[in-house]
PDB file of N, CA and C in Angstrom:
ATOM      1  N   UNK A   1      95.503  91.745  63.845  1.00  0.00           N
ATOM      2  CA  UNK A   1      95.682  90.129  63.216  1.00  0.00           C
ATOM      3  C   UNK A   1      96.951  89.424  62.943  1.00  0.00           C
ATOM      4  N   UNK A   2      97.281  88.432  62.719  1.00  0.00           N
ATOM      5  CA  UNK A   2      98.743  87.914  62.849  1.00  0.00           C
ATOM      6  C   UNK A   2      99.080  88.026  61.154  1.00  0.00           C
ATOM      7  N   UNK A   3     100.156  88.266  60.972  1.00  0.00           N
ATOM      8  CA  UNK A   3     100.898  87.675  59.643  1.00  0.00           C
ATOM      9  C   UNK A   3     100.952  86.510  59.512  1.00  0.00           C
ATOM     10  N   UNK A   4     100.849  85.959  60.391  1.00  0.00           N
ATOM     11  CA  UNK A   4     101.664  83.912  60.190  1.00  0.00           C
ATOM     12  C   UNK A   4     100.498  83.582  58.655  1.00  0.00           C
ATOM     13  N   UNK A   5     101.165  82.733  57.897  1.00  0.00           N
ATOM     14  CA  UNK A   5     100.359  82.370  57.123  1.00  0.00           C
ATOM     15  C   UNK A   5     100.011  80.685  57.288  1.00  0.00           C
ATOM     16  N   UNK A   6      99.368  79.761  56.763  1.00  0.00           N
ATOM     17  CA  UNK A   6      99.370  78.684  56.570  1.00  0.00           C
ATOM     18  C   UNK A   6      99.888  78.065  54.627  1.00  0.00           C
ATOM     19  N   UNK A   7     100.983  77.394  54.945  1.00  0.00           N
ATOM     20  CA  UNK A   7     100.838  76.760  53.925  1.00  0.00           C
ATOM     21  C   UNK A   7     101.382  75.424  53.646  1.00  0.00           C
ATOM     22  N   UNK A   8     101.436  74.952  52.597  1.00  0.00           N
ATOM     23  CA  UNK A   8     101.678  73.479  52.027  1.00  0.00           C
ATOM     24  C   UNK A   8     102.475  72.748  52.709  1.00  0.00           C
ATOM     25  N   UNK A   9     103.840  73.418  53.330  1.00  0.00           N
ATOM     26  CA  UNK A   9     105.018  72.813  54.300  1.00  0.00           C
ATOM     27  C   UNK A   9     104.339  72.582  55.817  1.00  0.00           C
ATOM     28  N   UNK A  10     103.129  73.176  56.189  1.00  0.00           N
ATOM     29  CA  UNK A  10     102.658  73.304  57.865  1.00  0.00           C
ATOM     30  C   UNK A  10     101.508  71.535  57.173  1.00  0.00           C
ATOM     31  N   UNK A  11     101.283  70.827  56.528  1.00  0.00           N
ATOM     32  CA  UNK A  11     100.659  69.655  56.186  1.00  0.00           C
ATOM     33  C   UNK A  11     101.655  68.982  57.225  1.00  0.00           C
ATOM     34  N   UNK A  12     100.430  68.129  57.879  1.00  0.00           N
ATOM     35  CA  UNK A  12     100.984  67.021  58.772  1.00  0.00           C
ATOM     36  C   UNK A  12     100.075  67.129  60.064  1.00  0.00           C
ATOM     37  N   UNK A  13     100.074  66.076  61.001  1.00  0.00           N
ATOM     38  CA  UNK A  13      99.760  66.515  62.397  1.00  0.00           C
ATOM     39  C   UNK A  13      99.746  67.929  63.218  1.00  0.00           C
ATOM     40  N   UNK A  14      98.652  68.732  63.551  1.00  0.00           N
ATOM     41  CA  UNK A  14      98.737  70.164  64.006  1.00  0.00           C
ATOM     42  C   UNK A  14      98.315  69.875  65.455  1.00  0.00           C
ATOM     43  N   UNK A  15      97.661  68.738  65.605  1.00  0.00           N
ATOM     44  CA  UNK A  15      97.417  68.346  67.329  1.00  0.00           C
ATOM     45  C   UNK A  15      97.417  67.446  67.584  1.00  0.00           C
ATOM     46  N   UNK A  16      97.881  66.215  68.568  1.00  0.00           N
ATOM     47  CA  UNK A  16      98.128  64.783  68.378  1.00  0.00           C
ATOM     48  C   UNK A  16      97.308  64.294  69.562  1.00  0.00           C
ATOM     49  N   UNK A  17      97.071  63.270  68.472  1.00  0.00           N
ATOM     50  CA  UNK A  17      95.396  62.647  69.351  1.00  0.00           C
ATOM     51  C   UNK A  17      95.496  62.487  70.699  1.00  0.00           C
ATOM     52  N   UNK A  18      96.615  61.793  71.436  1.00  0.00           N
ATOM     53  CA  UNK A  18      97.261  61.613  72.861  1.00  0.00           C
ATOM     54  C   UNK A  18      96.665  62.752  73.599  1.00  0.00           C
ATOM     55  N   UNK A  19      96.539  63.742  73.059  1.00  0.00           N
ATOM     56  CA  UNK A  19      96.420  64.718  74.384  1.00  0.00           C
ATOM     57  C   UNK A  19      94.679  64.870  74.427  1.00  0.00           C
ATOM     58  N   UNK A  20      94.019  64.416  74.254  1.00  0.00           N
ATOM     59  CA  UNK A  20      92.395  64.014  74.278  1.00  0.00           C
ATOM     60  C   UNK A  20      92.396  65.445  74.270  1.00  0.00           C
ATOM     61  N   UNK A  21      91.024  65.234  75.238  1.00  0.00           N
ATOM     62  CA  UNK A  21      89.913  66.325  75.654  1.00  0.00           C
ATOM     63  C   UNK A  21      90.740  67.805  75.418  1.00  0.00           C
ATOM     64  N   UNK A  22      91.872  67.566  75.590  1.00  0.00           N
ATOM     65  CA  UNK A  22      92.644  69.292  75.573  1.00  0.00           C
ATOM     66  C   UNK A  22      92.577  69.601  74.150  1.00  0.00           C
ATOM     67  N   UNK A  23      92.731  68.822  72.505  1.00  0.00           N
ATOM     68  CA  UNK A  23      93.057  69.521  71.870  1.00  0.00           C
ATOM     69  C   UNK A  23      91.422  70.524  71.495  1.00  0.00           C
ATOM     70  N   UNK A  24      90.702  70.275  72.200  1.00  0.00           N
ATOM     71  CA  UNK A  24      89.181  71.545  71.510  1.00  0.00           C
ATOM     72  C   UNK A  24      89.544  72.742  72.037  1.00  0.00           C
ATOM     73  N   UNK A  25      90.839  73.083  73.521  1.00  0.00           N
ATOM     74  CA  UNK A  25      90.667  74.277  73.568  1.00  0.00           C
ATOM     75  C   UNK A  25      92.056  74.387  73.146  1.00  0.00           C
ATOM     76  N   UNK A  26      92.743  73.564  72.763  1.00  0.00           N
ATOM     77  CA  UNK A  26      94.561  73.546  71.713  1.00  0.00           C
ATOM     78  C   UNK A  26      93.967  74.100  70.571  1.00  0.00           C
ATOM     79  N   UNK A  27      92.723  73.793  69.660  1.00  0.00           N
ATOM     80  CA  UNK A  27      92.551  73.797  68.640  1.00  0.00           C
ATOM     81  C   UNK A  27      92.439  75.704  68.422  1.00  0.00           C
ATOM     82  N   UNK A  28      91.761  76.288  70.139  1.00  0.00           N
ATOM     83  CA  UNK A  28      91.032  77.354  69.574  1.00  0.00           C
ATOM     84  C   UNK A  28      92.808  78.264  69.778  1.00  0.00           C
ATOM     85  N   UNK A  29      94.072  77.961  70.579  1.00  0.00           N
ATOM     86  CA  UNK A  29      94.853  78.228  70.677  1.00  0.00           C
ATOM     87  C   UNK A  29      96.166  79.013  69.379  1.00  0.00           C
ATOM     88  N   UNK A  30      95.384  77.777  68.582  1.00  0.00           N
ATOM     89  CA  UNK A  30      96.473  77.422  67.550  1.00  0.00           C
ATOM     90  C   UNK A  30      95.844  78.586  66.520  1.00  0.00           C
ATOM     91  N   UNK A  31      94.752  78.675  66.631  1.00  0.00           N
ATOM     92  CA  UNK A  31      93.279  79.396  65.354  1.00  0.00           C
ATOM     93  C   UNK A  31      94.004  81.387  66.363  1.00  0.00           C
ATOM     94  N   UNK A  32      94.360  80.729  67.557  1.00  0.00           N
ATOM     95  CA  UNK A  32      94.241  82.707  67.652  1.00  0.00           C
ATOM     96  C   UNK A  32      95.726  82.592  67.247  1.00  0.00           C
ATOM     97  N   UNK A  33      96.909  82.174  67.224  1.00  0.00           N
ATOM     98  CA  UNK A  33      98.137  82.140  66.624  1.00  0.00           C
ATOM     99  C   UNK A  33      97.995  82.696  65.019  1.00  0.00           C
ATOM    100  N   UNK A  34      97.227  82.604  64.931  1.00  0.00           N
ATOM    101  CA  UNK A  34      96.922  82.842  63.231  1.00  0.00           C
ATOM    102  C   UNK A  34      95.910  84.175  62.880  1.00  0.00           C
ATOM    103  N   UNK A  35      95.902  84.798  64.498  1.00  0.00           N
ATOM    104  CA  UNK A  35      94.274  85.702  63.863  1.00  0.00           C
ATOM    105  C   UNK A  35      93.077  85.480  64.662  1.00  0.00           C
ATOM    106  N   UNK A  36      92.703  84.301  64.810  1.00  0.00           N
ATOM    107  CA  UNK A  36      91.248  84.444  65.710  1.00  0.00           C
ATOM    108  C   UNK A  36      90.990  85.207  67.000  1.00  0.00           C
ATOM    109  N   UNK A  37      89.705  85.277  66.935  1.00  0.00           N
ATOM    110  CA  UNK A  37      89.507  86.514  67.845  1.00  0.00           C
ATOM    111  C   UNK A  37      88.201  85.943  68.798  1.00  0.00           C
ATOM    112  N   UNK A  38      88.775  84.919  69.940  1.00  0.00           N
ATOM    113  CA  UNK A  38      87.719  84.472  70.982  1.00  0.00           C
ATOM    114  C   UNK A  38      86.220  85.263  70.256  1.00  0.00           C
ATOM    115  N   UNK A  39      85.236  84.882  70.517  1.00  0.00           N
ATOM    116  CA  UNK A  39      83.826  86.244  70.608  1.00  0.00           C
ATOM    117  C   UNK A  39      84.139  86.015  72.300  1.00  0.00           C
ATOM    118  N   UNK A  40      83.616  87.070  72.604  1.00  0.00           N
ATOM    119  CA  UNK A  40      83.216  88.179  74.708  1.00  0.00           C
ATOM    120  C   UNK A  40      82.524  86.221  74.450  1.00  0.00           C
ATOM    121  N   UNK A  41      81.227  86.521  74.157  1.00  0.00           N
ATOM    122  CA  UNK A  41      80.083  85.654  74.663  1.00  0.00           C
ATOM    123  C   UNK A  41      80.998  84.003  74.290  1.00  0.00           C
ATOM    124  N   UNK A  42      82.220  83.805  74.338  1.00  0.00           N
ATOM    125  CA  UNK A  42      82.914  81.954  74.711  1.00  0.00           C
ATOM    126  C   UNK A  42      83.711  82.437  75.638  1.00  0.00           C
ATOM    127  N   UNK A  43      84.316  83.201  75.983  1.00  0.00           N
ATOM    128  CA  UNK A  43      85.755  83.418  76.717  1.00  0.00           C
ATOM    129  C   UNK A  43      85.164  83.219  78.202  1.00  0.00           C
ATOM    130  N   UNK A  44      84.374  83.198  79.032  1.00  0.00           N
ATOM    131  CA  UNK A  44      84.330  82.646  80.097  1.00  0.00           C
ATOM    132  C   UNK A  44      84.206  81.085  80.180  1.00  0.00           C
ATOM    133  N   UNK A  45      83.413  80.227  78.590  1.00  0.00           N
ATOM    134  CA  UNK A  45      83.504  78.874  78.238  1.00  0.00           C
ATOM    135  C   UNK A  45      84.346  78.552  78.260  1.00  0.00           C
ATOM    136  N   UNK A  46      84.936  78.817  77.389  1.00  0.00           N
ATOM    137  CA  UNK A  46      86.875  78.450  77.446  1.00  0.00           C
ATOM    138  C   UNK A  46      87.894  78.057  78.341  1.00  0.00           C
ATOM    139  N   UNK A  47      87.715  79.439  79.295  1.00  0.00           N
ATOM    140  CA  UNK A  47      88.461  79.712  80.101  1.00  0.00           C
ATOM    141  C   UNK A  47      87.857  78.350  81.441  1.00  0.00           C
ATOM    142  N   UNK A  48      87.329  77.716  81.234  1.00  0.00           N
ATOM    143  CA  UNK A  48      86.523  76.523  82.297  1.00  0.00           C
ATOM    144  C   UNK A  48      86.932  75.635  81.856  1.00  0.00           C
ATOM    145  N   UNK A  49      86.559  74.997  80.748  1.00  0.00           N
ATOM    146  CA  UNK A  49      86.789  74.355  80.056  1.00  0.00           C
ATOM    147  C   UNK A  49      88.124  74.159  80.111  1.00  0.00           C
ATOM    148  N   UNK A  50      89.239  75.046  79.974  1.00  0.00           N
ATOM    149  CA  UNK A  50      90.628  74.732  79.571  1.00  0.00           C
ATOM    150  C   UNK A  50      91.132  74.695  81.471  1.00  0.00           C
ATOM    151  N   UNK A  51      90.375  75.274  82.007  1.00  0.00           N
ATOM    152  CA  UNK A  51      91.076  75.230  83.579  1.00  0.00           C
ATOM    153  C   UNK A  51      90.154  73.683  84.474  1.00  0.00           C
ATOM    154  N   UNK A  52      89.444  73.314  83.516  1.00  0.00           N
ATOM    155  CA  UNK A  52      88.234  72.475  84.473  1.00  0.00           C
ATOM    156  C   UNK A  52      88.258  71.470  83.642  1.00  0.00           C
ATOM    157  N   UNK A  53      88.604  70.853  82.264  1.00  0.00           N
ATOM    158  CA  UNK A  53      88.207  69.731  82.110  1.00  0.00           C
ATOM    159  C   UNK A  53      87.156  68.779  81.973  1.00  0.00           C
ATOM    160  N   UNK A  54      87.373  67.619  82.067  1.00  0.00           N
ATOM    161  CA  UNK A  54      86.364  67.277  82.101  1.00  0.00           C
ATOM    162  C   UNK A  54      84.902  67.672  83.907  1.00  0.00           C
ATOM    163  N   UNK A  55      85.788  68.687  84.129  1.00  0.00           N
ATOM    164  CA  UNK A  55      84.763  69.051  85.441  1.00  0.00           C
ATOM    165  C   UNK A  55      84.128  69.915  85.411  1.00  0.00           C
ATOM    166  N   UNK A  56      84.384  70.551  84.314  1.00  0.00           N
ATOM    167  CA  UNK A  56      83.615  72.198  83.773  1.00  0.00           C
ATOM    168  C   UNK A  56      82.245  72.203  83.335  1.00  0.00           C
ATOM    169  N   UNK A  57      81.578  73.133  83.602  1.00  0.00           N
ATOM    170  CA  UNK A  57      80.535  72.946  83.424  1.00  0.00           C
ATOM    171  C   UNK A  57      79.764  72.504  82.188  1.00  0.00           C
ATOM    172  N   UNK A  58      78.348  71.614  82.282  1.00  0.00           N
ATOM    173  CA  UNK A  58      77.593  71.333  81.055  1.00  0.00           C
ATOM    174  C   UNK A  58      77.866  72.036  79.932  1.00  0.00           C
ATOM    175  N   UNK A  59      77.488  73.781  80.270  1.00  0.00           N
ATOM    176  CA  UNK A  59      77.263  74.965  79.939  1.00  0.00           C
ATOM    177  C   UNK A  59      78.525  74.991  79.170  1.00  0.00           C
ATOM    178  N   UNK A  60      79.335  74.723  79.358  1.00  0.00           N
ATOM    179  CA  UNK A  60      81.316  75.176  78.782  1.00  0.00           C
ATOM    180  C   UNK A  60      80.877  74.139  77.822  1.00  0.00           C
ATOM    181  N   UNK A  61      81.461  72.868  78.225  1.00  0.00           N
ATOM    182  CA  UNK A  61      81.337  71.985  77.129  1.00  0.00           C
ATOM    183  C   UNK A  61      80.599  71.916  75.753  1.00  0.00           C
ATOM    184  N   UNK A  62      79.324  72.348  76.178  1.00  0.00           N
ATOM    185  CA  UNK A  62      78.304  72.682  74.947  1.00  0.00           C
ATOM    186  C   UNK A  62      79.187  73.572  74.161  1.00  0.00           C
ATOM    187  N   UNK A  63      79.503  74.663  74.617  1.00  0.00           N
ATOM    188  CA  UNK A  63      79.949  75.839  73.925  1.00  0.00           C
ATOM    189  C   UNK A  63      81.370  75.983  73.398  1.00  0.00           C
ATOM    190  N   UNK A  64      82.237  74.688  73.778  1.00  0.00           N
ATOM    191  CA  UNK A  64      83.458  74.577  72.992  1.00  0.00           C
ATOM    192  C   UNK A  64      83.253  73.249  72.326  1.00  0.00           C
ATOM    193  N   UNK A  65      82.394  72.255  72.771  1.00  0.00           N
ATOM    194  CA  UNK A  65      82.515  70.927  71.073  1.00  0.00           C
ATOM    195  C   UNK A  65      81.297  71.166  71.174  1.00  0.00           C
ATOM    196  N   UNK A  66      80.079  71.030  71.010  1.00  0.00           N
ATOM    197  CA  UNK A  66      78.883  71.099  70.686  1.00  0.00           C
ATOM    198  C   UNK A  66      78.817  71.901  68.853  1.00  0.00           C
ATOM    199  N   UNK A  67      78.037  71.137  68.383  1.00  0.00           N
ATOM    200  CA  UNK A  67      78.068  71.652  66.910  1.00  0.00           C
ATOM    201  C   UNK A  67      78.037  72.735  66.936  1.00  0.00           C
ATOM    202  N   UNK A  68      78.996  73.751  65.802  1.00  0.00           N
ATOM    203  CA  UNK A  68      78.875  74.980  66.207  1.00  0.00           C
ATOM    204  C   UNK A  68      80.005  75.804  67.199  1.00  0.00           C
ATOM    205  N   UNK A  69      80.405  74.985  68.117  1.00  0.00           N
ATOM    206  CA  UNK A  69      81.006  75.190  68.782  1.00  0.00           C
ATOM    207  C   UNK A  69      82.554  75.911  68.807  1.00  0.00           C
ATOM    208  N   UNK A  70      83.385  77.069  69.893  1.00  0.00           N
ATOM    209  CA  UNK A  70      84.180  77.303  69.355  1.00  0.00           C
ATOM    210  C   UNK A  70      85.382  76.462  69.063  1.00  0.00           C
ATOM    211  N   UNK A  71      85.137  75.049  69.346  1.00  0.00           N
ATOM    212  CA  UNK A  71      86.276  74.494  68.488  1.00  0.00           C
ATOM    213  C   UNK A  71      86.545  74.311  66.468  1.00  0.00           C
ATOM    214  N   UNK A  72      85.021  74.421  66.545  1.00  0.00           N
ATOM    215  CA  UNK A  72      84.664  74.764  64.704  1.00  0.00           C
ATOM    216  C   UNK A  72      84.633  75.512  64.801  1.00  0.00           C
ATOM    217  N   UNK A  73      84.754  76.549  65.183  1.00  0.00           N
ATOM    218  CA  UNK A  73      84.818  78.140  64.898  1.00  0.00           C
ATOM    219  C   UNK A  73      86.278  78.288  64.350  1.00  0.00           C
ATOM    220  N   UNK A  74      87.114  77.463  65.223  1.00  0.00           N
ATOM    221  CA  UNK A  74      88.545  77.946  65.294  1.00  0.00           C
ATOM    222  C   UNK A  74      89.066  77.395  64.430  1.00  0.00           C
ATOM    223  N   UNK A  75      88.518  75.886  64.673  1.00  0.00           N
ATOM    224  CA  UNK A  75      89.355  75.193  62.751  1.00  0.00           C
ATOM    225  C   UNK A  75      88.498  75.635  61.751  1.00  0.00           C
ATOM    226  N   UNK A  76      87.559  76.425  61.697  1.00  0.00           N
ATOM    227  CA  UNK A  76      87.150  77.001  60.540  1.00  0.00           C
ATOM    228  C   UNK A  76      87.556  77.928  60.276  1.00  0.00           C
ATOM    229  N   UNK A  77      88.265  78.778  61.139  1.00  0.00           N
ATOM    230  CA  UNK A  77      89.013  79.514  60.629  1.00  0.00           C
ATOM    231  C   UNK A  77      90.416  79.428  60.263  1.00  0.00           C
ATOM    232  N   UNK A  78      90.822  78.173  60.698  1.00  0.00           N
ATOM    233  CA  UNK A  78      91.745  77.406  60.157  1.00  0.00           C
ATOM    234  C   UNK A  78      92.051  76.942  58.942  1.00  0.00           C
ATOM    235  N   UNK A  79      91.099  76.668  58.432  1.00  0.00           N
ATOM    236  CA  UNK A  79      90.436  75.805  57.670  1.00  0.00           C
ATOM    237  C   UNK A  79      89.911  77.224  55.747  1.00  0.00           C
ATOM    238  N   UNK A  80      90.474  78.106  56.463  1.00  0.00           N
ATOM    239  CA  UNK A  80      89.733  79.227  55.660  1.00  0.00           C
ATOM    240  C   UNK A  80      91.473  79.833  55.622  1.00  0.00           C
ATOM    241  N   UNK A  81      92.414  79.672  55.698  1.00  0.00           N
ATOM    242  CA  UNK A  81      93.547  79.814  56.010  1.00  0.00           C
ATOM    243  C   UNK A  81      94.289  79.382  54.933  1.00  0.00           C
ATOM    244  N   UNK A  82      93.862  77.987  55.062  1.00  0.00           N
ATOM    245  CA  UNK A  82      94.728  76.716  54.128  1.00  0.00           C
ATOM    246  C   UNK A  82      94.791  77.106  53.059  1.00  0.00           C
ATOM    247  N   UNK A  83      95.633  76.517  52.509  1.00  0.00           N
ATOM    248  CA  UNK A  83      95.856  76.433  50.709  1.00  0.00           C
ATOM    249  C   UNK A  83      94.840  75.941  49.758  1.00  0.00           C
ATOM    250  N   UNK A  84      94.528  76.645  48.717  1.00  0.00           N
ATOM    251  CA  UNK A  84      93.579  75.508  48.390  1.00  0.00           C
ATOM    252  C   UNK A  84      94.382  74.354  47.998  1.00  0.00           C
ATOM    253  N   UNK A  85      93.544  73.453  47.580  1.00  0.00           N
ATOM    254  CA  UNK A  85      93.407  71.853  48.053  1.00  0.00           C
ATOM    255  C   UNK A  85      94.228  71.089  48.580  1.00  0.00           C
ATOM    256  N   UNK A  86      93.478  72.269  50.596  1.00  0.00           N
ATOM    257  CA  UNK A  86      94.699  71.327  51.855  1.00  0.00           C
ATOM    258  C   UNK A  86      93.154  71.838  52.301  1.00  0.00           C
ATOM    259  N   UNK A  87      92.745  70.925  53.414  1.00  0.00           N
ATOM    260  CA  UNK A  87      91.666  70.689  54.246  1.00  0.00           C
ATOM    261  C   UNK A  87      92.425  69.950  55.937  1.00  0.00           C
ATOM    262  N   UNK A  88      91.682  70.284  56.972  1.00  0.00           N
ATOM    263  CA  UNK A  88      91.862  70.144  57.749  1.00  0.00           C
ATOM    264  C   UNK A  88      91.158  69.184  58.465  1.00  0.00           C
ATOM    265  N   UNK A  89      91.133  68.018  58.863  1.00  0.00           N
ATOM    266  CA  UNK A  89      90.777  66.647  59.374  1.00  0.00           C
ATOM    267  C   UNK A  89      90.957  66.532  60.901  1.00  0.00           C
ATOM    268  N   UNK A  90      89.730  66.373  61.576  1.00  0.00           N
ATOM    269  CA  UNK A  90      89.802  65.411  62.643  1.00  0.00           C
ATOM    270  C   UNK A  90      89.243  64.512  62.563  1.00  0.00           C
ATOM    271  N   UNK A  91      90.523  63.672  63.275  1.00  0.00           N
ATOM    272  CA  UNK A  91      89.582  62.042  63.233  1.00  0.00           C
ATOM    273  C   UNK A  91      90.595  61.644  64.095  1.00  0.00           C
ATOM    274  N   UNK A  92      90.060  60.942  65.532  1.00  0.00           N
ATOM    275  CA  UNK A  92      89.759  60.245  66.796  1.00  0.00           C
ATOM    276  C   UNK A  92      91.081  61.608  67.830  1.00  0.00           C
ATOM    277  N   UNK A  93      90.248  62.414  67.578  1.00  0.00           N
ATOM    278  CA  UNK A  93      91.002  63.742  68.363  1.00  0.00           C
ATOM    279  C   UNK A  93      92.154  64.632  67.941  1.00  0.00           C
ATOM    280  N   UNK A  94      92.354  64.084  66.912  1.00  0.00           N
ATOM    281  CA  UNK A  94      93.614  64.446  66.225  1.00  0.00           C
ATOM    282  C   UNK A  94      93.014  65.436  65.080  1.00  0.00           C
ATOM    283  N   UNK A  95      93.813  66.133  64.260  1.00  0.00           N
ATOM    284  CA  UNK A  95      94.014  66.992  64.156  1.00  0.00           C
ATOM    285  C   UNK A  95      95.264  67.665  62.921  1.00  0.00           C
ATOM    286  N   UNK A  96      94.960  67.000  61.379  1.00  0.00           N
ATOM    287  CA  UNK A  96      95.584  67.110  60.474  1.00  0.00           C
ATOM    288  C   UNK A  96      95.254  68.235  59.514  1.00  0.00           C
ATOM    289  N   UNK A  97      96.468  68.413  58.896  1.00  0.00           N
ATOM    290  CA  UNK A  97      96.289  69.357  58.348  1.00  0.00           C
ATOM    291  C   UNK A  97      97.037  67.965  56.589  1.00  0.00           C
ATOM    292  N   UNK A  98      95.538  68.664  55.186  1.00  0.00           N
ATOM    293  CA  UNK A  98      96.337  67.560  54.688  1.00  0.00           C
ATOM    294  C   UNK A  98      95.503  67.715  53.027  1.00  0.00           C
ATOM    295  N   UNK A  99      96.515  67.324  51.789  1.00  0.00           N
ATOM    296  CA  UNK A  99      95.693  67.701  50.375  1.00  0.00           C
ATOM    297  C   UNK A  99      94.019  67.117  50.651  1.00  0.00           C
ATOM    298  N   UNK A 100      93.254  68.180  49.734  1.00  0.00           N
ATOM    299  CA  UNK A 100      91.892  67.275  49.466  1.00  0.00           C
ATOM    300  C   UNK A 100      91.835  65.931  49.071  1.00  0.00           C
ATOM    301  N   UNK A 101      92.815  65.712  48.627  1.00  0.00           N
ATOM    302  CA  UNK A 101      92.924  63.976  47.846  1.00  0.00           C
ATOM    303  C   UNK A 101      93.101  63.077  49.023  1.00  0.00           C
ATOM    304  N   UNK A 102      94.359  63.410  49.672  1.00  0.00           N
ATOM    305  CA  UNK A 102      94.667  63.097  50.889  1.00  0.00           C
ATOM    306  C   UNK A 102      93.126  62.547  52.136  1.00  0.00           C
ATOM    307  N   UNK A 103      92.317  63.710  52.023  1.00  0.00           N
ATOM    308  CA  UNK A 103      91.351  63.655  53.559  1.00  0.00           C
ATOM    309  C   UNK A 103      90.370  63.206  52.485  1.00  0.00           C
ATOM    310  N   UNK A 104      89.846  63.258  51.431  1.00  0.00           N
ATOM    311  CA  UNK A 104      88.764  62.407  50.944  1.00  0.00           C
ATOM    312  C   UNK A 104      89.049  60.602  50.912  1.00  0.00           C
ATOM    313  N   UNK A 105      90.141  60.256  50.467  1.00  0.00           N
ATOM    314  CA  UNK A 105      90.593  59.272  50.717  1.00  0.00           C
ATOM    315  C   UNK A 105      90.499  58.448  52.139  1.00  0.00           C
ATOM    316  N   UNK A 106      90.926  59.288  53.083  1.00  0.00           N
ATOM    317  CA  UNK A 106      91.156  59.185  54.410  1.00  0.00           C
ATOM    318  C   UNK A 106      89.077  59.416  54.445  1.00  0.00           C
ATOM    319  N   UNK A 107      88.337  59.347  54.161  1.00  0.00           N
ATOM    320  CA  UNK A 107      87.145  59.626  54.566  1.00  0.00           C
ATOM    321  C   UNK A 107      86.227  61.128  54.520  1.00  0.00           C
ATOM    322  N   UNK A 108      87.449  62.165  54.263  1.00  0.00           N
ATOM    323  CA  UNK A 108      86.684  63.183  54.789  1.00  0.00           C
ATOM    324  C   UNK A 108      85.823  63.763  53.481  1.00  0.00           C
ATOM    325  N   UNK A 109      84.923  64.414  53.590  1.00  0.00           N
ATOM    326  CA  UNK A 109      84.195  65.060  52.171  1.00  0.00           C
ATOM    327  C   UNK A 109      83.471  66.505  52.460  1.00  0.00           C
ATOM    328  N   UNK A 110      84.565  66.991  52.563  1.00  0.00           N
ATOM    329  CA  UNK A 110      84.818  69.063  52.746  1.00  0.00           C
ATOM    330  C   UNK A 110      84.385  69.598  52.744  1.00  0.00           C
TER     331      UNK A 110
END
């Protein structure tokens, strides 16, 4: 497990929206740097998605970006480490850490 901490000073953009579909595997990498362990059953899908992007198999896409998929699991892991009153918010492919008040004003009701 990593000793890395998420603090209020980490608020802001974590994954730039212009990176498109790659942010779905990049969030996993960020979570791993904080101690997230990729479940064994997702390893093959992650590698296929990372290597092939839009050409990855339908099963890999679903495993990565489907509801409750690996991207969601990684985001939930980061959220669990976020300071009180801070939320990770996805919008237009961009991941940001912001205060809960900012998130609510942004339309996120986490």
